[in-house]
N, C-alpha and C. Protein backbone atom coordinates (compact mmCIF):
# COMPACT_ATOMS: atom_id res chain seq x y z
N MET A 1 0.90 -1.05 -0.14
CA MET A 1 0.16 -0.06 -0.15
C MET A 1 1.20 1.34 -0.40
N GLU A 2 0.40 2.32 -0.73
CA GLU A 2 1.24 3.68 -0.94
C GLU A 2 0.80 4.49 0.20
N LEU A 3 1.66 4.53 1.15
CA LEU A 3 1.70 5.34 2.46
C LEU A 3 2.23 6.72 2.42
N ASN A 4 2.67 7.14 1.28
CA ASN A 4 3.36 8.45 1.15
C ASN A 4 2.36 9.70 1.91
N ASN A 5 1.51 9.44 1.49
CA ASN A 5 0.58 10.92 1.47
C ASN A 5 0.02 10.79 2.90
N THR A 6 -0.22 9.49 3.40
CA THR A 6 -0.59 9.52 4.83
C THR A 6 0.54 10.03 5.85
N PHE A 7 1.72 9.58 5.35
CA PHE A 7 2.91 10.31 6.03
C PHE A 7 3.01 11.44 6.22
N GLN A 8 2.75 12.38 5.24
CA GLN A 8 2.74 13.40 4.97
C GLN A 8 1.68 14.32 5.66
N LYS A 9 0.36 13.73 5.71
CA LYS A 9 -0.79 14.07 6.51
C LYS A 9 -0.29 13.97 8.00
N PHE A 10 0.10 12.93 8.37
CA PHE A 10 0.58 12.59 9.50
C PHE A 10 1.16 13.53 10.19
N SER A 11 2.36 13.91 9.29
CA SER A 11 3.56 14.76 9.66
C SER A 11 2.80 16.38 10.35
N ASP A 12 1.86 16.59 9.26
CA ASP A 12 1.38 18.17 9.15
C ASP A 12 0.48 18.13 10.55
N LEU A 13 -0.17 17.09 10.81
CA LEU A 13 -1.03 17.00 12.01
C LEU A 13 -0.60 16.78 13.58
N LEU A 14 0.99 16.13 13.19
CA LEU A 14 1.74 16.37 14.49
C LEU A 14 2.46 17.64 14.66
N ASN A 15 2.83 18.44 13.59
CA ASN A 15 3.38 19.75 13.83
C ASN A 15 2.65 20.58 14.39
N GLU A 16 1.43 20.56 13.59
CA GLU A 16 0.23 21.69 14.39
C GLU A 16 -0.11 21.32 16.21
N ARG A 17 -0.30 19.80 16.22
CA ARG A 17 -0.35 19.60 17.59
C ARG A 17 0.89 19.96 18.57
N PHE A 18 2.32 19.52 18.17
CA PHE A 18 3.42 20.06 18.90
C PHE A 18 3.74 21.84 18.60
N ARG A 19 3.12 22.40 17.56
CA ARG A 19 3.54 23.77 17.67
C ARG A 19 2.36 24.34 18.63
N ARG A 20 1.17 24.13 18.58
CA ARG A 20 -0.05 24.54 19.95
C ARG A 20 0.36 23.75 21.44
N ASP A 21 1.37 23.17 21.09
CA ASP A 21 2.18 22.64 22.52
C ASP A 21 0.61 21.76 23.08
N VAL A 22 -0.01 21.07 22.26
CA VAL A 22 -1.44 20.24 23.09
C VAL A 22 -0.45 19.18 23.93
N TYR A 23 -1.03 18.94 24.58
CA TYR A 23 -0.63 17.73 25.69
C TYR A 23 -0.55 16.30 24.47
N THR A 24 0.41 15.38 24.75
CA THR A 24 0.35 14.30 23.75
C THR A 24 0.97 13.39 24.33
N THR A 25 0.03 11.81 24.16
CA THR A 25 0.75 10.85 24.66
C THR A 25 0.87 10.01 23.36
N GLU A 26 1.55 8.51 23.84
CA GLU A 26 1.46 7.60 22.83
C GLU A 26 0.43 7.41 21.90
N ASP A 27 -0.71 7.07 22.87
CA ASP A 27 -2.36 6.99 22.33
C ASP A 27 -2.56 7.92 21.18
N SER A 28 -1.94 9.17 21.82
CA SER A 28 -2.39 10.68 20.83
C SER A 28 -2.00 10.54 19.57
N ILE A 29 -0.32 10.09 19.51
CA ILE A 29 0.42 9.93 18.07
C ILE A 29 -0.40 9.04 17.64
N ARG A 30 -0.79 7.76 18.09
CA ARG A 30 -1.41 6.79 17.21
C ARG A 30 -3.01 7.17 16.63
N TYR A 31 -3.47 7.75 17.65
CA TYR A 31 -4.94 8.15 16.80
C TYR A 31 -4.95 9.14 15.93
N THR A 32 -3.83 10.05 15.86
CA THR A 32 -3.47 10.98 15.04
C THR A 32 -3.06 10.46 13.40
N PHE A 33 -2.33 9.48 13.56
CA PHE A 33 -2.00 8.38 12.33
C PHE A 33 -3.23 7.76 12.01
N TYR A 34 -3.78 7.39 12.68
CA TYR A 34 -5.11 6.64 11.86
C TYR A 34 -6.05 7.62 11.39
N ALA A 35 -6.09 9.05 12.01
CA ALA A 35 -6.78 10.53 11.39
C ALA A 35 -6.07 10.44 9.91
N ALA A 36 -4.95 10.57 9.96
CA ALA A 36 -4.35 10.54 8.89
C ALA A 36 -4.28 9.44 7.79
N LEU A 37 -4.46 8.18 8.33
CA LEU A 37 -4.92 7.16 7.31
C LEU A 37 -5.99 6.86 7.05
N LEU A 38 -7.07 7.22 7.93
CA LEU A 38 -8.14 7.32 6.88
C LEU A 38 -8.87 8.51 6.18
N SER A 39 -8.00 9.57 6.21
CA SER A 39 -8.42 10.69 5.52
C SER A 39 -7.64 10.66 4.34
N THR A 40 -6.65 9.81 3.95
CA THR A 40 -6.02 9.77 2.54
C THR A 40 -5.76 8.54 1.80
N THR A 41 -6.39 7.43 2.40
CA THR A 41 -6.58 6.24 1.85
C THR A 41 -8.03 5.92 1.62
N GLU A 42 -8.33 4.81 1.03
CA GLU A 42 -9.97 4.20 1.14
C GLU A 42 -10.15 3.72 2.19
N LEU A 43 -9.11 2.85 3.15
CA LEU A 43 -9.73 2.28 4.22
C LEU A 43 -10.48 2.92 5.15
N GLU A 44 -11.28 1.96 5.58
CA GLU A 44 -12.54 2.37 6.77
C GLU A 44 -11.96 1.79 8.22
N PRO A 45 -12.33 2.50 9.08
CA PRO A 45 -12.01 1.96 10.74
C PRO A 45 -12.10 0.25 10.83
N ILE A 46 -12.97 -0.23 9.89
CA ILE A 46 -13.51 -1.71 9.96
C ILE A 46 -12.25 -2.42 9.93
N ASP A 47 -11.07 -1.75 8.89
CA ASP A 47 -9.88 -2.46 8.53
C ASP A 47 -8.64 -2.32 9.44
N LEU A 48 -9.13 -2.05 10.55
CA LEU A 48 -7.96 -1.40 11.44
C LEU A 48 -8.14 -2.50 12.94
N ILE A 49 -7.00 -3.20 13.22
CA ILE A 49 -7.27 -4.02 14.37
C ILE A 49 -6.04 -3.48 15.35
N LEU A 50 -6.79 -2.70 16.47
CA LEU A 50 -5.52 -2.43 17.23
C LEU A 50 -5.41 -3.17 18.34
N GLU A 51 -3.94 -3.30 18.74
CA GLU A 51 -3.35 -4.28 19.96
C GLU A 51 -3.89 -5.65 19.53
N HIS A 52 -3.15 -6.51 17.95
CA HIS A 52 -3.63 -7.52 17.49
C HIS A 52 -2.73 -8.30 18.41
N ASN A 53 -3.20 -9.70 18.73
CA ASN A 53 -1.90 -10.31 19.48
C ASN A 53 -0.74 -10.93 18.50
N HIS A 54 0.12 -10.76 19.00
CA HIS A 54 1.61 -11.13 17.84
C HIS A 54 1.49 -12.87 17.85
N PRO A 55 1.25 -13.30 16.46
CA PRO A 55 1.19 -14.70 16.40
C PRO A 55 2.67 -15.32 16.47
N GLY A 56 3.49 -14.47 16.68
CA GLY A 56 5.02 -14.98 16.78
C GLY A 56 5.85 -14.91 18.50
N ILE A 57 5.08 -14.43 19.28
CA ILE A 57 5.50 -13.93 20.53
C ILE A 57 4.34 -14.04 21.40
N GLN A 58 5.04 -14.99 22.16
CA GLN A 58 3.57 -15.17 23.40
C GLN A 58 3.67 -13.86 24.05
N GLY A 59 2.34 -13.73 24.55
CA GLY A 59 2.05 -12.70 25.38
C GLY A 59 2.36 -11.10 24.73
N ALA A 60 2.52 -10.95 23.65
CA ALA A 60 2.64 -9.77 22.94
C ALA A 60 1.82 -9.23 22.34
N GLN A 61 2.06 -8.12 22.23
CA GLN A 61 0.94 -7.64 21.03
C GLN A 61 1.40 -6.45 19.53
N ILE A 62 0.75 -6.62 18.74
CA ILE A 62 1.09 -5.65 17.71
C ILE A 62 -0.03 -4.37 17.40
N ASP A 63 0.43 -2.97 17.73
CA ASP A 63 0.05 -2.04 17.64
C ASP A 63 -1.21 -2.11 17.12
N THR A 64 -0.89 -2.36 15.85
CA THR A 64 -1.86 -2.10 14.62
C THR A 64 -1.72 -2.99 13.27
N VAL A 65 -2.74 -3.79 12.96
CA VAL A 65 -2.50 -4.19 11.96
C VAL A 65 -3.50 -3.84 11.19
N ILE A 66 -3.38 -3.33 9.80
CA ILE A 66 -4.24 -3.13 8.78
C ILE A 66 -4.43 -4.53 8.00
N THR A 67 -5.85 -4.84 7.74
CA THR A 67 -5.94 -5.95 7.26
C THR A 67 -6.21 -5.56 5.54
N GLY A 68 -6.39 -6.60 5.11
CA GLY A 68 -6.25 -6.56 3.45
C GLY A 68 -5.92 -7.54 3.02
N SER A 69 -5.57 -7.84 1.52
CA SER A 69 -4.99 -8.99 0.97
C SER A 69 -3.47 -9.19 1.26
N ASN A 70 -3.03 -8.31 1.56
CA ASN A 70 -1.46 -8.72 2.12
C ASN A 70 -1.33 -8.17 3.61
N GLY A 71 -1.83 -7.37 3.87
CA GLY A 71 -1.73 -7.01 5.42
C GLY A 71 -0.43 -5.87 5.94
N ILE A 72 -0.60 -5.04 6.83
CA ILE A 72 0.40 -4.01 7.26
C ILE A 72 0.52 -4.22 8.41
N ALA A 73 1.51 -4.23 9.32
CA ALA A 73 1.68 -4.45 10.62
C ALA A 73 2.72 -2.88 11.17
N VAL A 74 2.24 -2.11 11.91
CA VAL A 74 2.58 -0.86 12.46
C VAL A 74 3.09 -1.05 13.96
N GLU A 75 3.97 -0.38 14.13
CA GLU A 75 4.38 -0.39 15.67
C GLU A 75 4.84 1.10 15.99
N PHE A 76 4.25 1.79 16.78
CA PHE A 76 4.89 3.15 17.28
C PHE A 76 5.33 3.28 18.37
N LYS A 77 6.32 4.28 18.50
CA LYS A 77 6.72 4.49 19.51
C LYS A 77 7.23 6.01 19.92
N TYR A 78 6.71 6.65 21.09
CA TYR A 78 6.77 8.08 21.60
C TYR A 78 7.65 8.16 22.73
N ASP A 79 8.63 8.61 22.50
CA ASP A 79 9.69 9.21 23.50
C ASP A 79 9.49 10.69 23.53
N ARG A 80 9.85 10.76 25.07
CA ARG A 80 9.52 12.42 25.37
C ARG A 80 9.95 12.36 27.07
N GLY A 81 10.22 13.69 27.36
CA GLY A 81 11.35 13.48 28.63
C GLY A 81 10.16 13.42 29.70
N ASN A 82 10.69 12.74 31.23
CA ASN A 82 9.81 12.39 32.07
C ASN A 82 9.35 13.67 32.74
N PRO A 83 8.05 13.32 33.36
CA PRO A 83 7.06 14.46 33.83
C PRO A 83 8.18 15.11 34.97
N GLY A 84 8.31 16.12 35.17
CA GLY A 84 9.10 16.49 36.51
C GLY A 84 10.21 17.20 35.88
N GLY A 85 10.70 16.66 34.74
CA GLY A 85 12.11 16.62 34.58
C GLY A 85 13.20 15.59 34.84
N SER A 86 12.92 14.69 35.48
CA SER A 86 13.56 13.71 35.89
C SER A 86 14.28 13.08 34.58
N ASN A 87 15.98 12.36 35.08
CA ASN A 87 16.36 12.20 34.09
C ASN A 87 15.74 11.02 33.79
N GLN A 88 16.13 10.61 32.28
CA GLN A 88 15.43 9.27 31.47
C GLN A 88 16.36 8.46 31.26
N ASN A 89 16.39 7.32 31.35
CA ASN A 89 17.34 5.97 30.73
C ASN A 89 17.41 6.24 29.47
N ARG A 90 18.20 7.00 28.55
CA ARG A 90 18.32 6.74 27.01
C ARG A 90 18.50 5.59 26.36
N THR A 91 19.62 4.80 27.15
CA THR A 91 20.28 3.82 26.64
C THR A 91 19.35 2.67 26.26
N LEU A 92 18.27 2.47 27.44
CA LEU A 92 17.20 1.89 27.08
C LEU A 92 15.94 2.07 26.71
N ARG A 93 15.76 3.33 26.33
CA ARG A 93 15.07 3.84 25.46
C ARG A 93 15.35 3.48 23.90
N ALA A 94 16.52 3.26 23.75
CA ALA A 94 16.90 3.13 22.72
C ALA A 94 17.26 1.69 22.18
N ALA A 95 17.24 1.00 23.11
CA ALA A 95 16.96 -0.52 23.14
C ALA A 95 15.63 -1.29 23.01
N ALA A 96 14.65 -0.23 23.40
CA ALA A 96 13.39 -0.43 23.26
C ALA A 96 13.02 0.03 21.90
N VAL A 97 13.46 0.66 21.16
CA VAL A 97 13.31 1.06 19.91
C VAL A 97 13.68 -0.01 18.80
N MET A 98 14.75 -0.44 19.30
CA MET A 98 15.09 -1.50 18.34
C MET A 98 14.61 -3.20 18.85
N ALA A 99 13.98 -2.96 19.96
CA ALA A 99 13.37 -4.09 20.50
C ALA A 99 11.81 -4.23 19.53
N ASP A 100 11.14 -2.90 19.46
CA ASP A 100 10.10 -2.99 18.66
C ASP A 100 10.61 -3.40 17.09
N ILE A 101 11.50 -3.09 16.78
CA ILE A 101 11.96 -3.38 15.20
C ILE A 101 11.80 -4.86 15.37
N PHE A 102 12.60 -5.53 16.25
CA PHE A 102 12.60 -6.55 16.23
C PHE A 102 11.41 -7.62 16.18
N ARG A 103 10.40 -7.17 17.18
CA ARG A 103 9.02 -7.83 16.89
C ARG A 103 8.23 -7.52 15.56
N LEU A 104 8.42 -6.60 15.01
CA LEU A 104 7.99 -6.79 13.72
C LEU A 104 8.23 -7.61 12.95
N VAL A 105 9.74 -7.92 12.67
CA VAL A 105 10.65 -8.85 12.06
C VAL A 105 9.48 -10.09 12.38
N LYS A 106 9.42 -10.55 13.49
CA LYS A 106 8.45 -11.60 13.84
C LYS A 106 7.24 -11.66 13.49
N VAL A 107 7.00 -10.68 12.81
CA VAL A 107 5.72 -10.99 12.41
C VAL A 107 5.29 -11.65 11.26
N PRO A 108 4.47 -12.70 11.46
CA PRO A 108 4.54 -13.83 10.06
C PRO A 108 3.80 -13.06 9.00
N SER A 109 4.37 -13.36 7.83
CA SER A 109 4.00 -12.99 6.46
C SER A 109 2.44 -13.45 6.33
N SER A 110 2.05 -14.46 6.51
CA SER A 110 0.45 -14.67 6.83
C SER A 110 0.17 -13.50 7.23
N LEU A 111 -0.03 -12.91 8.55
CA LEU A 111 -0.43 -11.89 8.84
C LEU A 111 -0.44 -10.15 8.30
N ALA A 112 1.02 -10.24 7.80
CA ALA A 112 1.64 -8.80 7.59
C ALA A 112 2.55 -8.76 6.35
N THR A 113 2.31 -8.32 5.03
CA THR A 113 3.79 -8.54 4.51
C THR A 113 4.61 -7.14 4.53
N GLU A 114 3.71 -5.99 4.52
CA GLU A 114 4.31 -4.88 5.32
C GLU A 114 4.83 -4.53 6.37
N LYS A 115 5.46 -4.05 6.82
CA LYS A 115 5.78 -3.82 8.49
C LYS A 115 6.43 -2.42 8.49
N TYR A 116 5.72 -1.45 9.55
CA TYR A 116 6.34 -0.19 9.32
C TYR A 116 6.41 0.23 10.85
N PHE A 117 7.77 1.02 11.32
CA PHE A 117 7.82 1.21 12.71
C PHE A 117 8.01 2.85 12.75
N ILE A 118 7.08 3.21 13.54
CA ILE A 118 6.88 4.99 13.50
C ILE A 118 7.18 5.45 14.81
N TYR A 119 8.36 5.97 14.24
CA TYR A 119 9.14 6.72 15.89
C TYR A 119 9.01 8.25 16.10
N ILE A 120 8.48 8.67 16.60
CA ILE A 120 8.24 10.40 17.47
C ILE A 120 9.21 10.50 18.70
N THR A 121 10.13 11.30 18.69
CA THR A 121 10.84 11.63 19.99
C THR A 121 11.29 13.46 19.79
N ASP A 122 11.23 13.77 21.48
CA ASP A 122 11.72 15.11 21.46
C ASP A 122 12.93 14.86 21.34
N SER A 123 14.07 16.30 21.83
CA SER A 123 15.18 16.43 21.43
C SER A 123 16.15 15.71 22.18
N GLU A 124 15.83 15.17 23.31
CA GLU A 124 16.77 14.54 23.94
C GLU A 124 17.01 13.26 23.56
N MET A 125 16.09 12.51 23.06
CA MET A 125 16.61 11.00 22.39
C MET A 125 17.12 11.41 21.04
N ALA A 126 16.27 12.55 20.25
CA ALA A 126 17.02 12.69 19.10
C ALA A 126 19.01 12.95 19.32
N ARG A 127 19.20 13.75 20.10
CA ARG A 127 20.76 13.59 20.47
C ARG A 127 21.44 12.71 20.90
N TYR A 128 20.77 11.56 21.39
CA TYR A 128 21.20 10.51 21.49
C TYR A 128 21.75 9.65 20.74
N PHE A 129 20.28 9.46 19.58
CA PHE A 129 20.66 8.98 18.40
C PHE A 129 21.67 9.48 17.63
N ARG A 130 21.56 11.03 17.47
CA ARG A 130 22.72 11.61 16.80
C ARG A 130 24.32 11.64 17.41
N ASN A 131 24.30 11.24 18.40
CA ASN A 131 25.60 10.92 19.13
C ASN A 131 26.61 9.83 18.26
N PRO A 132 27.14 10.38 17.54
CA PRO A 132 28.05 8.76 16.91
C PRO A 132 29.00 7.96 18.28
N THR A 133 29.24 8.39 19.46
CA THR A 133 29.22 7.24 20.18
C THR A 133 28.30 6.60 20.51
N ASN A 134 27.12 6.27 20.28
CA ASN A 134 26.06 5.69 20.54
C ASN A 134 26.08 4.19 19.30
N ARG A 135 26.47 4.73 18.09
CA ARG A 135 26.72 3.79 16.94
C ARG A 135 25.11 3.94 16.35
N LEU A 136 23.85 4.83 16.65
CA LEU A 136 22.98 4.65 15.90
C LEU A 136 22.36 5.94 15.16
N GLN A 137 23.56 6.86 15.06
CA GLN A 137 23.41 7.81 14.11
C GLN A 137 22.80 7.80 12.88
N GLU A 138 23.53 6.40 12.12
CA GLU A 138 23.34 6.37 10.85
C GLU A 138 21.68 5.93 10.77
N PHE A 139 21.06 5.06 11.61
CA PHE A 139 19.59 4.45 11.64
C PHE A 139 18.83 5.85 11.98
N PHE A 140 19.14 6.70 12.65
CA PHE A 140 18.27 7.91 12.84
C PHE A 140 18.28 8.96 11.71
N GLU A 141 19.69 8.81 11.12
CA GLU A 141 19.77 9.86 9.93
C GLU A 141 19.27 9.55 8.60
N LEU A 142 18.98 7.93 8.12
CA LEU A 142 18.63 7.42 7.18
C LEU A 142 17.88 8.41 6.26
N THR A 143 18.41 8.33 4.98
CA THR A 143 17.53 9.18 3.79
C THR A 143 17.21 8.28 2.51
N GLY A 144 16.24 8.77 1.71
CA GLY A 144 16.61 8.03 0.19
C GLY A 144 16.34 6.73 0.54
N THR A 145 17.00 5.90 -0.25
CA THR A 145 16.76 4.59 -0.33
C THR A 145 17.87 3.82 0.52
N ALA A 146 18.60 3.97 1.38
CA ALA A 146 19.48 3.56 2.30
C ALA A 146 18.97 2.82 3.32
N GLN A 147 19.76 1.76 3.35
CA GLN A 147 19.16 0.67 4.20
C GLN A 147 20.28 0.60 5.40
N PHE A 148 19.87 0.39 6.57
CA PHE A 148 20.62 0.27 7.68
C PHE A 148 20.33 -1.09 8.32
N SER A 149 21.28 -1.87 8.42
CA SER A 149 21.13 -3.40 8.60
C SER A 149 21.72 -3.66 10.25
N ILE A 150 20.49 -4.33 10.66
CA ILE A 150 20.69 -4.42 11.77
C ILE A 150 20.98 -5.91 12.55
N THR A 151 21.91 -6.32 13.13
CA THR A 151 22.47 -7.46 13.87
C THR A 151 22.83 -7.44 15.10
N SER A 152 23.06 -8.46 15.55
CA SER A 152 23.26 -8.69 16.83
C SER A 152 24.77 -8.24 17.03
N SER A 153 25.72 -8.66 15.94
CA SER A 153 27.20 -8.23 15.97
C SER A 153 27.09 -7.00 16.10
N ARG A 154 26.14 -6.37 15.51
CA ARG A 154 26.24 -5.08 15.55
C ARG A 154 26.43 -3.76 16.69
N PHE A 155 25.99 -4.54 17.78
CA PHE A 155 25.85 -4.22 19.22
C PHE A 155 26.59 -5.01 20.28
N GLN A 156 27.52 -5.55 19.63
CA GLN A 156 28.53 -6.10 20.41
C GLN A 156 29.19 -5.69 21.53
N SER A 157 29.48 -4.35 21.28
CA SER A 157 30.47 -3.56 22.13
C SER A 157 29.53 -2.79 23.04
N SER A 158 28.02 -2.31 22.49
CA SER A 158 26.87 -1.73 23.33
C SER A 158 27.26 -2.24 24.92
N SER A 159 26.69 -0.91 25.60
CA SER A 159 26.55 -1.29 27.13
C SER A 159 25.22 -2.52 27.34
N PRO A 160 25.94 -2.97 28.48
CA PRO A 160 25.14 -3.95 29.16
C PRO A 160 23.45 -3.79 28.99
N THR A 161 23.12 -2.72 29.54
CA THR A 161 21.83 -2.45 29.41
C THR A 161 21.31 -2.50 28.58
N PHE A 162 21.70 -1.95 27.11
CA PHE A 162 21.18 -1.92 25.63
C PHE A 162 21.18 -3.80 25.41
N THR A 163 22.18 -4.18 25.26
CA THR A 163 22.09 -5.85 25.12
C THR A 163 21.41 -6.93 25.54
N THR A 164 21.14 -6.31 26.95
CA THR A 164 20.46 -6.91 27.81
C THR A 164 18.68 -7.08 27.34
N ARG A 165 18.47 -5.79 27.04
CA ARG A 165 17.19 -5.43 26.95
C ARG A 165 16.81 -5.97 25.39
N ILE A 166 17.73 -6.11 24.31
CA ILE A 166 17.28 -6.83 23.32
C ILE A 166 17.67 -8.10 23.13
N ALA A 167 18.26 -8.67 23.82
CA ALA A 167 18.82 -10.01 23.45
C ALA A 167 17.72 -11.26 23.35
N PRO A 168 16.56 -11.21 24.10
CA PRO A 168 15.53 -12.04 23.74
C PRO A 168 14.82 -11.61 22.67
N LEU A 169 14.95 -10.99 21.91
CA LEU A 169 14.21 -10.36 20.41
C LEU A 169 15.20 -10.26 19.32
N VAL A 170 16.79 -10.06 19.38
CA VAL A 170 17.72 -9.58 18.38
C VAL A 170 17.59 -10.59 17.48
N CYS A 171 17.56 -10.34 15.89
CA CYS A 171 17.62 -11.05 15.15
C CYS A 171 18.21 -10.06 13.65
N ASP A 172 18.36 -10.94 12.65
CA ASP A 172 19.03 -10.12 11.42
C ASP A 172 17.93 -9.67 10.93
N CYS A 173 18.11 -8.29 10.33
CA CYS A 173 16.89 -7.53 9.36
C CYS A 173 17.50 -6.17 9.12
N ALA A 174 16.95 -5.33 8.07
CA ALA A 174 17.38 -4.29 7.96
C ALA A 174 15.87 -3.10 7.89
N VAL A 175 15.97 -1.95 7.95
CA VAL A 175 15.44 -1.00 7.95
C VAL A 175 15.49 -0.31 6.78
N VAL A 176 14.67 0.54 6.03
CA VAL A 176 14.70 1.73 5.34
C VAL A 176 13.85 2.56 5.50
N SER A 177 14.61 4.01 5.35
CA SER A 177 13.53 5.12 5.81
C SER A 177 12.57 5.39 4.73
N VAL A 178 11.33 5.58 4.92
CA VAL A 178 10.15 5.99 4.07
C VAL A 178 9.87 7.11 4.15
N TYR A 179 10.15 8.22 5.75
CA TYR A 179 9.84 9.71 5.91
C TYR A 179 10.14 10.01 7.36
N SER A 180 11.28 10.87 6.91
CA SER A 180 11.83 11.89 8.21
C SER A 180 11.28 13.09 7.99
N ALA A 181 10.95 14.00 8.92
CA ALA A 181 10.76 15.18 9.70
C ALA A 181 11.37 15.90 11.21
N ASP A 182 11.58 17.02 11.03
CA ASP A 182 11.75 17.82 12.43
C ASP A 182 10.51 18.49 12.42
N LEU A 183 9.87 18.49 13.47
CA LEU A 183 8.67 18.85 13.95
C LEU A 183 9.21 20.02 14.84
N ALA A 184 7.58 20.82 15.30
CA ALA A 184 7.89 22.05 16.16
C ALA A 184 8.17 21.26 17.68
N GLY A 185 8.97 22.48 18.28
CA GLY A 185 9.12 21.89 19.40
C GLY A 185 10.50 20.75 19.74
N GLY A 186 11.39 20.91 18.85
CA GLY A 186 12.40 20.09 18.63
C GLY A 186 11.93 18.46 18.84
N HIS A 187 10.86 18.10 18.24
CA HIS A 187 10.51 16.78 17.91
C HIS A 187 11.12 16.51 16.53
N CYS A 188 11.17 14.89 16.57
CA CYS A 188 11.38 14.38 15.24
C CYS A 188 10.72 13.45 14.76
N PHE A 189 10.36 13.02 13.73
CA PHE A 189 9.28 11.72 13.25
C PHE A 189 10.02 11.13 12.31
N ARG A 190 10.25 10.00 12.50
CA ARG A 190 10.54 9.12 11.66
C ARG A 190 10.06 7.87 11.72
N ALA A 191 9.93 7.39 10.23
CA ALA A 191 9.09 6.36 9.41
C ALA A 191 10.25 5.07 8.78
N PHE A 192 10.01 4.11 9.22
CA PHE A 192 11.04 3.04 8.79
C PHE A 192 10.08 1.45 8.36
N GLN A 193 10.54 1.29 7.31
CA GLN A 193 9.76 -0.05 6.70
C GLN A 193 10.88 -1.30 7.32
N VAL A 194 10.36 -2.15 7.93
CA VAL A 194 11.21 -3.28 8.15
C VAL A 194 11.14 -4.32 7.42
N LEU A 195 12.67 -4.31 6.85
CA LEU A 195 12.89 -5.47 5.82
C LEU A 195 13.34 -6.64 6.34
N ALA A 196 12.90 -8.10 5.70
CA ALA A 196 13.51 -8.85 6.81
C ALA A 196 13.06 -10.61 5.60
N GLU A 197 13.64 -11.78 5.94
CA GLU A 197 13.34 -12.70 5.30
C GLU A 197 11.81 -12.94 6.06
N GLN A 198 10.77 -13.06 5.06
CA GLN A 198 9.48 -13.34 5.85
C GLN A 198 9.35 -14.56 6.48
N ILE A 199 8.60 -14.89 7.60
CA ILE A 199 8.42 -15.89 8.29
C ILE A 199 6.60 -16.47 7.82
N VAL A 200 6.53 -17.55 7.76
CA VAL A 200 5.73 -17.65 6.84
C VAL A 200 4.77 -18.60 8.15
């Protein structure tokens, strides 16, 4: 399914939300995406399944499955500063991003042949990803048709906090950037398509 118009609309809606400093949670992010999706495609609400049980990981759920002849699985993550300004564990949050991608890899092709990871973050996590020391700058700044390969060996020298978090899920895969935008209030929007050998 062609989602470029959806991502553009979603980006515009988010930018306006952040520009107006509207209180925003991850649920707000998801529902804003659904509004963009339904307004830019011929999909109906009945085509969307929220919190679909993950067929490949016991006890896990997929944020959204768009039903159809091929199926699309979507995971969302919104990273923002902790309430009250307390320090957040940026390494753990970065590992959670990778874990979401690995969960998408394990979605069987019988359910979804296209898989997208949608990431919104504030400036604090954006600085973390852009810091070359953390070895994730290439991932965060993907452009065009460039792919970022994700393997267990890539993270061998990462901190134990990071590797322990991803260890149960890590697998070889790749992502390609399908949309990227910097938004109001220091926020960033990244959409990645997850590429991997399909699991039947």
